[in-house]
């Protein structure tokens, strides 16, 4: 018959349980800190397309079909031009970019306020038509995110930063942030060649997104 008491036999189990609980707490805290300090990874696009570029391009092209090939324009800036698509053609969340408020359009519509371009998560190039150079970028993200809006779940942990870009011809692609300066330079030249003022074209690609 064993001489060990129940208390003695339970001690190793309690130590193992305490260690497991401590490790679990440390892991949970570490995960929480990582999530809070990596907003570009764990944003609204983590689970699904929160700002689907193909849908935005579809809305823009549908508008152009109904307006003699002209994409929306507004004298108050491209924010107001994009709002012309809401809600008849698309919800605002599709037009704005990662890290930006998807419901802000309701307030702008209600009070008939101008839409600040600083509140738009994507830069929209006004003055284009369906007959323009199909290589010209019409809509692009202000903030680069892991893989762009079409990259989800844990893949975002190791995918390079990218910006989603929509073109006049209706297609889109994600451009690596490391390639962005070259891409922006080429796009500025395309716009100038098409008749855009160089300073205005450069200003579009010089816009900075909000820091998450």
Protein backbone atom coordinates (compact mmCIF):
# COMPACT_ATOMS: atom_id res chain seq x y z
CA UNK A 1 0.00 0.00 0.00
CA UNK A 2 1.42 3.41 -1.06
CA UNK A 3 2.61 5.68 1.70
CA UNK A 4 2.13 8.84 -0.42
CA UNK A 5 -0.75 11.08 0.60
CA UNK A 6 -3.33 12.38 -1.89
CA UNK A 7 -1.89 15.86 -1.38
CA UNK A 8 1.59 14.72 -2.38
CA UNK A 9 0.27 12.93 -5.48
CA UNK A 10 -1.72 15.99 -6.59
CA UNK A 11 1.19 18.44 -6.27
CA UNK A 12 2.78 17.66 -9.70
CA UNK A 13 -0.61 17.98 -11.35
CA UNK A 14 -1.19 21.37 -9.75
CA UNK A 15 2.26 22.57 -10.86
CA UNK A 16 1.59 21.41 -14.43
CA UNK A 17 -1.81 23.12 -14.41
CA UNK A 18 -0.34 26.37 -13.06
CA UNK A 19 2.36 26.34 -15.72
CA UNK A 20 -0.23 25.68 -18.42
CA UNK A 21 -2.42 28.54 -17.17
CA UNK A 22 0.57 30.89 -16.98
CA UNK A 23 1.68 29.97 -20.51
CA UNK A 24 -1.87 30.43 -21.80
CA UNK A 25 -2.16 33.87 -20.22
CA UNK A 26 1.22 34.96 -21.56
CA UNK A 27 0.30 33.70 -25.04
CA UNK A 28 -3.08 35.45 -24.97
CA UNK A 29 -1.49 38.74 -23.87
CA UNK A 30 1.22 38.44 -26.53
CA UNK A 31 -1.40 37.77 -29.21
CA UNK A 32 -3.45 40.73 -28.03
CA UNK A 33 -0.44 43.03 -28.16
CA UNK A 34 0.52 41.76 -31.63
CA UNK A 35 -2.99 42.34 -32.96
CA UNK A 36 -3.15 45.85 -31.47
CA UNK A 37 0.27 46.79 -32.86
CA UNK A 38 -0.38 45.42 -36.38
CA UNK A 39 -3.58 47.18 -37.52
CA UNK A 40 -2.66 46.77 -41.18
CA UNK A 41 -2.79 42.99 -40.76
CA UNK A 42 -5.84 42.68 -38.52
CA UNK A 43 -8.12 45.22 -40.15
CA UNK A 44 -11.60 44.90 -41.63
CA UNK A 45 -10.22 42.98 -44.64
CA UNK A 46 -8.90 40.14 -42.48
CA UNK A 47 -11.94 37.90 -43.03
CA UNK A 48 -13.38 39.10 -46.35
CA UNK A 49 -13.37 41.72 -49.11
CA UNK A 50 -14.32 44.81 -47.16
CA UNK A 51 -13.43 47.20 -50.01
CA UNK A 52 -13.72 45.04 -53.13
CA UNK A 53 -11.97 46.78 -56.02
CA UNK A 54 -13.72 44.77 -58.79
CA UNK A 55 -17.10 45.89 -57.45
CA UNK A 56 -15.92 49.50 -57.32
CA UNK A 57 -14.79 49.30 -60.94
CA UNK A 58 -18.08 47.70 -61.89
CA UNK A 59 -19.96 50.61 -60.34
CA UNK A 60 -17.76 53.17 -62.08
CA UNK A 61 -18.17 51.49 -65.44
CA UNK A 62 -21.93 51.14 -65.03
CA UNK A 63 -22.09 54.87 -64.30
CA UNK A 64 -20.03 55.55 -67.43
CA UNK A 65 -22.34 53.39 -69.55
CA UNK A 66 -25.27 55.53 -68.41
CA UNK A 67 -23.39 58.83 -68.88
CA UNK A 68 -21.98 58.60 -72.41
CA UNK A 69 -18.69 57.01 -71.38
CA UNK A 70 -17.86 59.57 -68.70
CA UNK A 71 -16.89 58.51 -65.20
CA UNK A 72 -18.29 60.60 -62.30
CA UNK A 73 -16.81 64.05 -61.69
CA UNK A 74 -17.53 66.81 -59.20
CA UNK A 75 -16.14 70.33 -58.85
CA UNK A 76 -15.79 69.89 -55.07
CA UNK A 77 -13.25 67.08 -55.43
CA UNK A 78 -13.11 63.37 -56.04
CA UNK A 79 -14.76 62.54 -52.70
CA UNK A 80 -17.98 64.13 -53.91
CA UNK A 81 -17.53 62.49 -57.31
CA UNK A 82 -17.40 59.03 -55.70
CA UNK A 83 -20.42 59.82 -53.54
CA UNK A 84 -22.45 60.19 -56.76
CA UNK A 85 -22.28 56.38 -56.96
CA UNK A 86 -23.83 55.85 -53.51
CA UNK A 87 -26.17 54.09 -52.96
CA UNK A 88 -27.57 53.62 -56.47
CA UNK A 89 -24.50 51.90 -57.86
CA UNK A 90 -22.63 50.65 -54.81
CA UNK A 91 -22.26 51.09 -51.03
CA UNK A 92 -19.54 53.47 -49.87
CA UNK A 93 -17.52 50.67 -48.31
CA UNK A 94 -16.66 49.38 -51.79
CA UNK A 95 -15.28 52.74 -52.90
CA UNK A 96 -13.16 53.57 -49.89
CA UNK A 97 -10.00 51.69 -48.92
CA UNK A 98 -8.55 49.59 -46.11
CA UNK A 99 -8.52 51.29 -42.73
CA UNK A 100 -11.26 53.82 -43.55
CA UNK A 101 -14.79 54.31 -42.21
CA UNK A 102 -17.23 52.43 -44.42
CA UNK A 103 -20.35 54.15 -43.02
CA UNK A 104 -19.34 57.80 -43.21
CA UNK A 105 -21.35 58.38 -46.39
CA UNK A 106 -24.62 58.31 -44.45
CA UNK A 107 -23.65 61.45 -42.54
CA UNK A 108 -22.45 63.23 -45.68
CA UNK A 109 -25.67 62.41 -47.50
CA UNK A 110 -27.90 63.47 -44.63
CA UNK A 111 -26.35 66.89 -44.14
CA UNK A 112 -25.42 67.38 -47.81
CA UNK A 113 -21.83 68.02 -46.80
CA UNK A 114 -18.83 67.94 -49.07
CA UNK A 115 -16.81 64.75 -48.79
CA UNK A 116 -13.25 65.51 -47.63
CA UNK A 117 -10.75 63.78 -49.86
CA UNK A 118 -8.74 63.06 -46.72
CA UNK A 119 -11.62 60.81 -45.58
CA UNK A 120 -11.49 58.71 -48.75
CA UNK A 121 -9.41 55.56 -48.42
CA UNK A 122 -8.79 55.45 -52.16
CA UNK A 123 -7.62 58.14 -54.54
CA UNK A 124 -9.95 58.59 -57.51
CA UNK A 125 -8.66 60.20 -60.70
CA UNK A 126 -11.34 62.49 -62.11
CA UNK A 127 -11.68 63.53 -65.73
CA UNK A 128 -11.34 60.11 -67.33
CA UNK A 129 -13.61 58.41 -69.84
CA UNK A 130 -13.90 54.88 -71.19
CA UNK A 131 -12.04 56.00 -74.33
CA UNK A 132 -8.91 57.02 -72.41
CA UNK A 133 -5.71 54.99 -72.26
CA UNK A 134 -6.76 51.68 -70.64
CA UNK A 135 -3.43 51.53 -68.79
CA UNK A 136 -4.29 54.59 -66.67
CA UNK A 137 -5.09 53.86 -63.03
CA UNK A 138 -8.46 55.31 -62.07
CA UNK A 139 -8.74 54.25 -58.41
CA UNK A 140 -6.07 53.14 -55.95
CA UNK A 141 -5.54 52.50 -52.23
CA UNK A 142 -3.95 55.20 -50.12
CA UNK A 143 -2.60 52.73 -47.58
CA UNK A 144 -0.65 49.57 -48.44
CA UNK A 145 -1.82 46.47 -46.57
CA UNK A 146 -0.61 42.86 -46.50
CA UNK A 147 -1.68 41.46 -49.87
CA UNK A 148 -4.34 44.14 -50.30
CA UNK A 149 -8.07 43.77 -49.67
CA UNK A 150 -8.17 40.38 -51.43
CA UNK A 151 -5.72 38.70 -49.03
CA UNK A 152 -7.29 37.16 -45.93
CA UNK A 153 -6.67 35.27 -42.68
CA UNK A 154 -3.21 34.10 -41.63
CA UNK A 155 -1.76 34.62 -45.11
CA UNK A 156 -1.67 38.30 -44.19
CA UNK A 157 1.05 37.57 -41.62
CA UNK A 158 3.73 37.03 -44.27
CA UNK A 159 2.37 38.58 -47.46
CA UNK A 160 4.20 41.75 -48.68
CA UNK A 161 2.47 45.12 -48.44
CA UNK A 162 0.44 45.94 -51.54
CA UNK A 163 -2.03 48.51 -52.85
CA UNK A 164 -4.99 47.56 -55.00
CA UNK A 165 -5.31 49.54 -58.22
CA UNK A 166 -8.23 49.75 -60.65
CA UNK A 167 -7.70 50.73 -64.29
CA UNK A 168 -9.81 52.50 -66.91
CA UNK A 169 -10.22 49.24 -68.82
CA UNK A 170 -11.99 47.73 -65.81
CA UNK A 171 -9.37 45.33 -64.46
CA UNK A 172 -7.37 45.59 -61.24
CA UNK A 173 -4.19 44.32 -59.67
CA UNK A 174 -2.30 44.58 -56.38
CA UNK A 175 0.99 46.50 -56.65
CA UNK A 176 3.76 45.76 -54.16
CA UNK A 177 4.70 48.74 -52.03
CA UNK A 178 8.34 48.24 -53.00
CA UNK A 179 7.27 48.80 -56.64
CA UNK A 180 4.94 51.70 -55.86
CA UNK A 181 7.35 54.62 -56.51
CA UNK A 182 8.08 53.29 -59.99
CA UNK A 183 4.39 52.59 -60.64
CA UNK A 184 3.41 56.09 -59.50
CA UNK A 185 6.07 57.70 -61.69
CA UNK A 186 4.84 55.82 -64.76
CA UNK A 187 1.21 56.68 -64.01
CA UNK A 188 2.01 60.37 -63.67
CA UNK A 189 3.63 60.30 -67.10
CA UNK A 190 0.58 58.55 -68.57
CA UNK A 191 -1.70 61.22 -67.12
CA UNK A 192 0.48 64.07 -68.41
CA UNK A 193 0.60 62.47 -71.84
CA UNK A 194 -3.19 62.32 -71.76
CA UNK A 195 -3.45 66.04 -71.06
CA UNK A 196 -3.44 66.24 -67.26
CA UNK A 197 -1.59 69.01 -65.50
CA UNK A 198 1.66 67.57 -64.14
CA UNK A 199 1.34 69.24 -60.74
CA UNK A 200 -2.21 67.91 -60.34
CA UNK A 201 -1.13 64.40 -61.34
CA UNK A 202 1.80 64.47 -58.92
CA UNK A 203 -0.48 65.70 -56.13
CA UNK A 204 -2.74 62.66 -56.55
CA UNK A 205 0.16 60.28 -56.05
CA UNK A 206 1.61 62.33 -53.21
CA UNK A 207 -1.48 61.89 -51.03
CA UNK A 208 -0.85 60.15 -47.72
CA UNK A 209 -3.32 57.86 -46.01
CA UNK A 210 -4.25 57.97 -42.35
CA UNK A 211 -1.86 56.34 -39.94
CA UNK A 212 -3.79 53.42 -38.36
